[in-house]
Structure formats: C-alpha cells, structure tokens
Amino acid sequence: QYIGADAVLYVTIDEWGQKYQVISSKAVVRAKLRLVDCKNGELLWDAEAFAVQQSSDGGGGLAGALIGAVVDQIAGSMVDRTPELSRIANNSSLNNQVRGLLNGPYAIEQANN
C-alpha cells in the first residue's frame, strides 16, 4: 500500500545448493513462485522453478568417477553453480509458453525473422 504496487511476487525456496554423493555431485535450485493481487489477496499466477546440473564421471569408470567426485567437491567449494541455475530456473518458469507470465506493457518487442 505504501508504494502503490498492484501485485507482489512471493518466492519460497525449497532447495538451493550443491549436493555431494559418493561418486557425483549436483547443483539444485527449486522454488515456488506466487503472484498475489495486493488489493484483494487473490492468487494471480503460480509456478515452480527448478533446475539441476549433474556432474558426470567422464567415462573413466569407478576410479575416474571417484577422482571426478573429489575434483567436483574441491571445485564446488570455490565455484557455486546455484546462482546460474537460479537464473535458468526463473527464466524457464516465467517464460514458459504454457504457464508463464504474459508480457506487460514494457515488454521489448522481438522481430519475427
């Protein structure tokens, strides 16, 4: 009411971060999005954002998988993949052709080639 917003986007983060298993690791982002009308509290739109990036053993068998897992764990502590995955998850839920948000008045027109 103080800033005159028409709607509020609520985001509930269900999963976020790196998950390490014995011979692999994965980065996971999962969130629920809800767009709510400020005047009456009505739910206008909802979706789930999800993205995962799985490491692989690179075809090196068990020894290669174990070495890959150690490297992933060391590199994973230095490089966090979740911000990039969150952008992918948000983009796929907001721009989904079936359940995504409609373009607003300030949307950039794309040329049809």
N, C-alpha and C. Protein backbone atom coordinates (compact mmCIF):
# COMPACT_ATOMS: atom_id res chain seq x y z
N GLN A 1 0.82 -1.20 0.00
CA GLN A 1 0.00 0.00 0.00
C GLN A 1 0.86 1.26 0.00
N TYR A 2 2.08 1.17 0.51
CA TYR A 2 2.93 2.35 0.61
C TYR A 2 3.55 2.76 -0.72
N ILE A 3 3.79 1.80 -1.60
CA ILE A 3 4.43 2.12 -2.88
C ILE A 3 3.48 1.97 -4.06
N GLY A 4 2.24 1.62 -3.81
CA GLY A 4 1.25 1.53 -4.87
C GLY A 4 1.40 0.32 -5.78
N ALA A 5 1.93 -0.76 -5.26
CA ALA A 5 2.11 -1.97 -6.07
C ALA A 5 0.77 -2.62 -6.38
N ASP A 6 0.65 -3.15 -7.59
CA ASP A 6 -0.55 -3.89 -7.98
C ASP A 6 -0.49 -5.33 -7.51
N ALA A 7 0.71 -5.90 -7.51
CA ALA A 7 0.88 -7.31 -7.14
C ALA A 7 2.25 -7.52 -6.51
N VAL A 8 2.35 -8.61 -5.76
CA VAL A 8 3.60 -8.98 -5.11
C VAL A 8 3.96 -10.40 -5.53
N LEU A 9 5.23 -10.62 -5.86
CA LEU A 9 5.71 -11.96 -6.21
C LEU A 9 6.38 -12.56 -4.97
N TYR A 10 5.79 -13.62 -4.45
CA TYR A 10 6.34 -14.35 -3.31
C TYR A 10 7.12 -15.55 -3.84
N VAL A 11 8.32 -15.75 -3.31
CA VAL A 11 9.15 -16.88 -3.73
C VAL A 11 9.53 -17.68 -2.48
N THR A 12 9.23 -18.97 -2.50
CA THR A 12 9.61 -19.88 -1.43
C THR A 12 10.69 -20.81 -1.97
N ILE A 13 11.88 -20.75 -1.39
CA ILE A 13 12.99 -21.59 -1.85
C ILE A 13 12.91 -22.92 -1.12
N ASP A 14 12.75 -24.00 -1.90
CA ASP A 14 12.66 -25.34 -1.33
C ASP A 14 14.02 -26.06 -1.30
N GLU A 15 14.82 -25.87 -2.35
CA GLU A 15 16.16 -26.47 -2.41
C GLU A 15 17.11 -25.46 -3.02
N TRP A 16 18.34 -25.44 -2.51
CA TRP A 16 19.33 -24.49 -3.03
C TRP A 16 20.71 -24.99 -2.66
N GLY A 17 21.57 -25.23 -3.64
CA GLY A 17 22.95 -25.52 -3.33
C GLY A 17 23.49 -26.79 -3.96
N GLN A 18 24.72 -27.10 -3.57
CA GLN A 18 25.43 -28.27 -4.06
C GLN A 18 25.06 -29.46 -3.18
N LYS A 19 24.87 -30.61 -3.81
CA LYS A 19 24.63 -31.86 -3.08
C LYS A 19 25.70 -32.85 -3.53
N TYR A 20 26.42 -33.39 -2.57
CA TYR A 20 27.51 -34.30 -2.88
C TYR A 20 27.09 -35.72 -2.54
N GLN A 21 27.34 -36.63 -3.50
CA GLN A 21 27.11 -38.05 -3.30
C GLN A 21 28.47 -38.73 -3.38
N VAL A 22 28.49 -40.05 -3.26
CA VAL A 22 29.77 -40.76 -3.21
C VAL A 22 30.61 -40.51 -4.45
N ILE A 23 30.03 -40.67 -5.64
CA ILE A 23 30.83 -40.53 -6.86
C ILE A 23 30.31 -39.44 -7.80
N SER A 24 29.48 -38.57 -7.31
CA SER A 24 29.00 -37.48 -8.16
C SER A 24 28.52 -36.33 -7.29
N SER A 25 28.24 -35.23 -7.94
CA SER A 25 27.66 -34.09 -7.25
C SER A 25 26.66 -33.43 -8.18
N LYS A 26 25.79 -32.65 -7.60
CA LYS A 26 24.84 -31.90 -8.41
C LYS A 26 24.50 -30.60 -7.72
N ALA A 27 24.22 -29.61 -8.53
CA ALA A 27 23.73 -28.33 -8.03
C ALA A 27 22.23 -28.31 -8.29
N VAL A 28 21.45 -27.90 -7.29
CA VAL A 28 19.99 -27.95 -7.39
C VAL A 28 19.39 -26.62 -6.96
N VAL A 29 18.40 -26.16 -7.72
CA VAL A 29 17.59 -25.00 -7.35
C VAL A 29 16.14 -25.38 -7.56
N ARG A 30 15.32 -25.23 -6.52
CA ARG A 30 13.88 -25.49 -6.63
C ARG A 30 13.16 -24.45 -5.78
N ALA A 31 12.18 -23.77 -6.40
CA ALA A 31 11.43 -22.74 -5.68
C ALA A 31 9.99 -22.69 -6.19
N LYS A 32 9.11 -22.22 -5.33
CA LYS A 32 7.71 -21.99 -5.71
C LYS A 32 7.51 -20.48 -5.84
N LEU A 33 6.83 -20.06 -6.90
CA LEU A 33 6.57 -18.65 -7.15
C LEU A 33 5.06 -18.42 -7.12
N ARG A 34 4.64 -17.34 -6.43
CA ARG A 34 3.22 -16.98 -6.38
C ARG A 34 3.09 -15.47 -6.59
N LEU A 35 2.26 -15.07 -7.55
CA LEU A 35 1.97 -13.66 -7.79
C LEU A 35 0.60 -13.38 -7.19
N VAL A 36 0.54 -12.45 -6.23
CA VAL A 36 -0.68 -12.18 -5.47
C VAL A 36 -1.12 -10.74 -5.67
N ASP A 37 -2.41 -10.54 -5.92
CA ASP A 37 -3.00 -9.20 -6.06
C ASP A 37 -2.95 -8.49 -4.72
N CYS A 38 -2.42 -7.27 -4.69
CA CYS A 38 -2.29 -6.51 -3.44
C CYS A 38 -3.62 -6.04 -2.88
N LYS A 39 -4.60 -5.81 -3.75
CA LYS A 39 -5.88 -5.26 -3.28
C LYS A 39 -6.75 -6.29 -2.59
N ASN A 40 -6.81 -7.51 -3.15
CA ASN A 40 -7.74 -8.49 -2.58
C ASN A 40 -7.08 -9.81 -2.17
N GLY A 41 -5.76 -9.94 -2.34
CA GLY A 41 -5.06 -11.15 -1.94
C GLY A 41 -5.29 -12.34 -2.86
N GLU A 42 -5.91 -12.12 -4.01
CA GLU A 42 -6.20 -13.20 -4.94
C GLU A 42 -4.91 -13.68 -5.62
N LEU A 43 -4.79 -14.99 -5.76
CA LEU A 43 -3.66 -15.58 -6.46
C LEU A 43 -3.84 -15.34 -7.95
N LEU A 44 -2.89 -14.63 -8.56
CA LEU A 44 -2.97 -14.31 -9.99
C LEU A 44 -2.23 -15.34 -10.84
N TRP A 45 -1.14 -15.89 -10.31
CA TRP A 45 -0.31 -16.82 -11.07
C TRP A 45 0.58 -17.56 -10.10
N ASP A 46 0.89 -18.82 -10.44
CA ASP A 46 1.86 -19.56 -9.65
C ASP A 46 2.63 -20.51 -10.55
N ALA A 47 3.81 -20.88 -10.11
CA ALA A 47 4.66 -21.79 -10.88
C ALA A 47 5.73 -22.36 -9.96
N GLU A 48 6.42 -23.37 -10.47
CA GLU A 48 7.57 -23.91 -9.78
C GLU A 48 8.79 -23.72 -10.66
N ALA A 49 9.86 -23.22 -10.08
CA ALA A 49 11.12 -23.05 -10.80
C ALA A 49 12.06 -24.17 -10.35
N PHE A 50 12.65 -24.86 -11.32
CA PHE A 50 13.52 -25.98 -10.99
C PHE A 50 14.64 -26.10 -12.02
N ALA A 51 15.85 -26.32 -11.55
CA ALA A 51 16.99 -26.60 -12.43
C ALA A 51 17.99 -27.44 -11.65
N VAL A 52 18.65 -28.34 -12.36
CA VAL A 52 19.68 -29.19 -11.76
C VAL A 52 20.82 -29.36 -12.75
N GLN A 53 22.04 -29.37 -12.23
CA GLN A 53 23.21 -29.63 -13.06
C GLN A 53 23.98 -30.76 -12.40
N GLN A 54 24.03 -31.91 -13.07
CA GLN A 54 24.64 -33.12 -12.55
C GLN A 54 26.06 -33.24 -13.09
N SER A 55 27.00 -33.61 -12.21
CA SER A 55 28.35 -33.90 -12.69
C SER A 55 28.36 -35.31 -13.25
N SER A 56 29.35 -35.62 -14.08
CA SER A 56 29.46 -36.97 -14.63
C SER A 56 30.86 -37.51 -14.40
N ASP A 57 31.01 -38.81 -14.58
CA ASP A 57 32.32 -39.42 -14.34
C ASP A 57 33.24 -39.31 -15.54
N GLY A 58 32.75 -38.79 -16.66
CA GLY A 58 33.59 -38.60 -17.84
C GLY A 58 34.00 -39.89 -18.51
N GLY A 59 33.34 -41.01 -18.20
CA GLY A 59 33.64 -42.28 -18.86
C GLY A 59 34.87 -42.97 -18.33
N GLY A 60 35.36 -42.59 -17.17
CA GLY A 60 36.59 -43.18 -16.63
C GLY A 60 36.37 -44.31 -15.66
N GLY A 61 35.19 -44.90 -15.63
CA GLY A 61 34.93 -46.00 -14.71
C GLY A 61 34.86 -45.51 -13.28
N LEU A 62 34.96 -46.46 -12.34
CA LEU A 62 34.84 -46.13 -10.92
C LEU A 62 35.98 -45.22 -10.45
N ALA A 63 37.21 -45.52 -10.87
CA ALA A 63 38.34 -44.68 -10.46
C ALA A 63 38.18 -43.26 -10.98
N GLY A 64 37.76 -43.13 -12.24
CA GLY A 64 37.53 -41.81 -12.81
C GLY A 64 36.41 -41.08 -12.11
N ALA A 65 35.37 -41.84 -11.73
CA ALA A 65 34.24 -41.23 -11.02
C ALA A 65 34.66 -40.72 -9.65
N LEU A 66 35.48 -41.51 -8.94
CA LEU A 66 35.95 -41.09 -7.61
C LEU A 66 36.83 -39.85 -7.71
N ILE A 67 37.74 -39.84 -8.68
CA ILE A 67 38.60 -38.67 -8.87
C ILE A 67 37.75 -37.46 -9.27
N GLY A 68 36.79 -37.69 -10.17
CA GLY A 68 35.89 -36.61 -10.58
C GLY A 68 35.09 -36.05 -9.42
N ALA A 69 34.64 -36.95 -8.51
CA ALA A 69 33.87 -36.50 -7.35
C ALA A 69 34.72 -35.63 -6.43
N VAL A 70 35.98 -36.03 -6.22
CA VAL A 70 36.88 -35.23 -5.38
C VAL A 70 37.12 -33.87 -6.01
N VAL A 71 37.39 -33.87 -7.32
CA VAL A 71 37.62 -32.60 -8.02
C VAL A 71 36.38 -31.72 -7.96
N ASP A 72 35.19 -32.33 -8.19
CA ASP A 72 33.93 -31.57 -8.12
C ASP A 72 33.73 -30.97 -6.74
N GLN A 73 34.06 -31.74 -5.69
CA GLN A 73 33.85 -31.24 -4.34
C GLN A 73 34.80 -30.08 -4.05
N ILE A 74 36.05 -30.20 -4.48
CA ILE A 74 37.00 -29.10 -4.27
C ILE A 74 36.59 -27.89 -5.10
N ALA A 75 36.30 -28.11 -6.38
CA ALA A 75 35.89 -27.00 -7.25
C ALA A 75 34.56 -26.42 -6.81
N GLY A 76 33.67 -27.28 -6.32
CA GLY A 76 32.35 -26.82 -5.87
C GLY A 76 32.43 -25.90 -4.68
N SER A 77 33.48 -26.09 -3.86
CA SER A 77 33.64 -25.18 -2.72
C SER A 77 34.14 -23.82 -3.16
N MET A 78 34.75 -23.76 -4.37
CA MET A 78 35.24 -22.49 -4.89
C MET A 78 34.26 -21.85 -5.87
N VAL A 79 33.52 -22.68 -6.62
CA VAL A 79 32.60 -22.18 -7.64
C VAL A 79 31.20 -22.67 -7.31
N ASP A 80 30.33 -21.74 -7.01
CA ASP A 80 28.94 -22.08 -6.70
C ASP A 80 28.10 -21.96 -7.97
N ARG A 81 27.51 -23.06 -8.40
CA ARG A 81 26.72 -23.07 -9.63
C ARG A 81 25.27 -22.63 -9.42
N THR A 82 24.85 -22.50 -8.18
CA THR A 82 23.43 -22.22 -7.92
C THR A 82 22.94 -20.87 -8.43
N PRO A 83 23.72 -19.78 -8.41
CA PRO A 83 23.19 -18.53 -8.98
C PRO A 83 22.85 -18.66 -10.47
N GLU A 84 23.72 -19.30 -11.24
CA GLU A 84 23.44 -19.51 -12.66
C GLU A 84 22.21 -20.40 -12.84
N LEU A 85 22.11 -21.45 -12.04
CA LEU A 85 20.95 -22.34 -12.13
C LEU A 85 19.66 -21.62 -11.74
N SER A 86 19.74 -20.71 -10.77
CA SER A 86 18.53 -19.98 -10.38
C SER A 86 18.03 -19.10 -11.52
N ARG A 87 18.95 -18.51 -12.28
CA ARG A 87 18.54 -17.72 -13.45
C ARG A 87 17.86 -18.61 -14.49
N ILE A 88 18.41 -19.80 -14.71
CA ILE A 88 17.81 -20.74 -15.66
C ILE A 88 16.42 -21.16 -15.18
N ALA A 89 16.30 -21.49 -13.90
CA ALA A 89 15.01 -21.92 -13.35
C ALA A 89 13.97 -20.81 -13.42
N ASN A 90 14.36 -19.60 -13.04
CA ASN A 90 13.43 -18.46 -13.11
C ASN A 90 12.99 -18.20 -14.54
N ASN A 91 13.93 -18.19 -15.46
CA ASN A 91 13.62 -17.93 -16.86
C ASN A 91 12.65 -18.98 -17.41
N SER A 92 12.89 -20.24 -17.08
CA SER A 92 12.02 -21.28 -17.62
C SER A 92 10.62 -21.23 -17.03
N SER A 93 10.47 -20.79 -15.79
CA SER A 93 9.12 -20.72 -15.21
C SER A 93 8.40 -19.44 -15.63
N LEU A 94 9.09 -18.31 -15.67
CA LEU A 94 8.45 -17.05 -16.03
C LEU A 94 8.11 -16.98 -17.52
N ASN A 95 8.94 -17.58 -18.36
CA ASN A 95 8.75 -17.50 -19.81
C ASN A 95 8.18 -18.78 -20.41
N ASN A 96 7.64 -19.65 -19.58
CA ASN A 96 7.04 -20.89 -20.06
C ASN A 96 5.89 -20.57 -21.01
N GLN A 97 5.86 -21.22 -22.18
CA GLN A 97 4.84 -20.90 -23.19
C GLN A 97 3.44 -21.31 -22.75
N VAL A 98 3.33 -22.26 -21.84
CA VAL A 98 2.01 -22.72 -21.40
C VAL A 98 1.56 -22.00 -20.13
N ARG A 99 2.46 -21.89 -19.12
CA ARG A 99 2.06 -21.33 -17.82
C ARG A 99 2.87 -20.11 -17.41
N GLY A 100 3.63 -19.53 -18.30
CA GLY A 100 4.45 -18.37 -17.96
C GLY A 100 3.62 -17.10 -17.84
N LEU A 101 4.27 -16.05 -17.38
CA LEU A 101 3.60 -14.75 -17.27
C LEU A 101 3.45 -14.13 -18.66
N LEU A 102 2.38 -13.42 -18.85
CA LEU A 102 2.17 -12.70 -20.11
C LEU A 102 3.07 -11.47 -20.14
N ASN A 103 3.42 -11.02 -21.33
CA ASN A 103 4.22 -9.80 -21.47
C ASN A 103 3.41 -8.60 -20.99
N GLY A 104 4.08 -7.70 -20.29
CA GLY A 104 3.44 -6.48 -19.82
C GLY A 104 3.62 -5.34 -20.80
N PRO A 105 3.19 -4.14 -20.43
CA PRO A 105 3.24 -3.01 -21.34
C PRO A 105 4.67 -2.56 -21.68
N TYR A 106 5.65 -2.96 -20.89
CA TYR A 106 7.03 -2.53 -21.14
C TYR A 106 7.88 -3.63 -21.78
N ALA A 107 7.25 -4.70 -22.24
CA ALA A 107 7.99 -5.81 -22.85
C ALA A 107 8.63 -5.35 -24.16
N ILE A 108 9.82 -5.82 -24.39
CA ILE A 108 10.54 -5.48 -25.62
C ILE A 108 10.01 -6.36 -26.74
N GLU A 109 9.61 -5.71 -27.83
CA GLU A 109 9.10 -6.44 -28.99
C GLU A 109 10.25 -7.16 -29.68
N GLN A 110 10.03 -8.41 -30.06
CA GLN A 110 11.04 -9.17 -30.78
C GLN A 110 10.66 -9.22 -32.25
N ALA A 111 11.62 -8.99 -33.11
CA ALA A 111 11.36 -9.02 -34.55
C ALA A 111 11.18 -10.46 -35.01
N ASN A 112 10.18 -10.70 -35.85
CA ASN A 112 9.96 -12.03 -36.41
C ASN A 112 10.78 -12.16 -37.69
N ASN A 113 11.76 -13.04 -37.67
CA ASN A 113 12.60 -13.25 -38.86
C ASN A 113 12.29 -14.58 -39.48
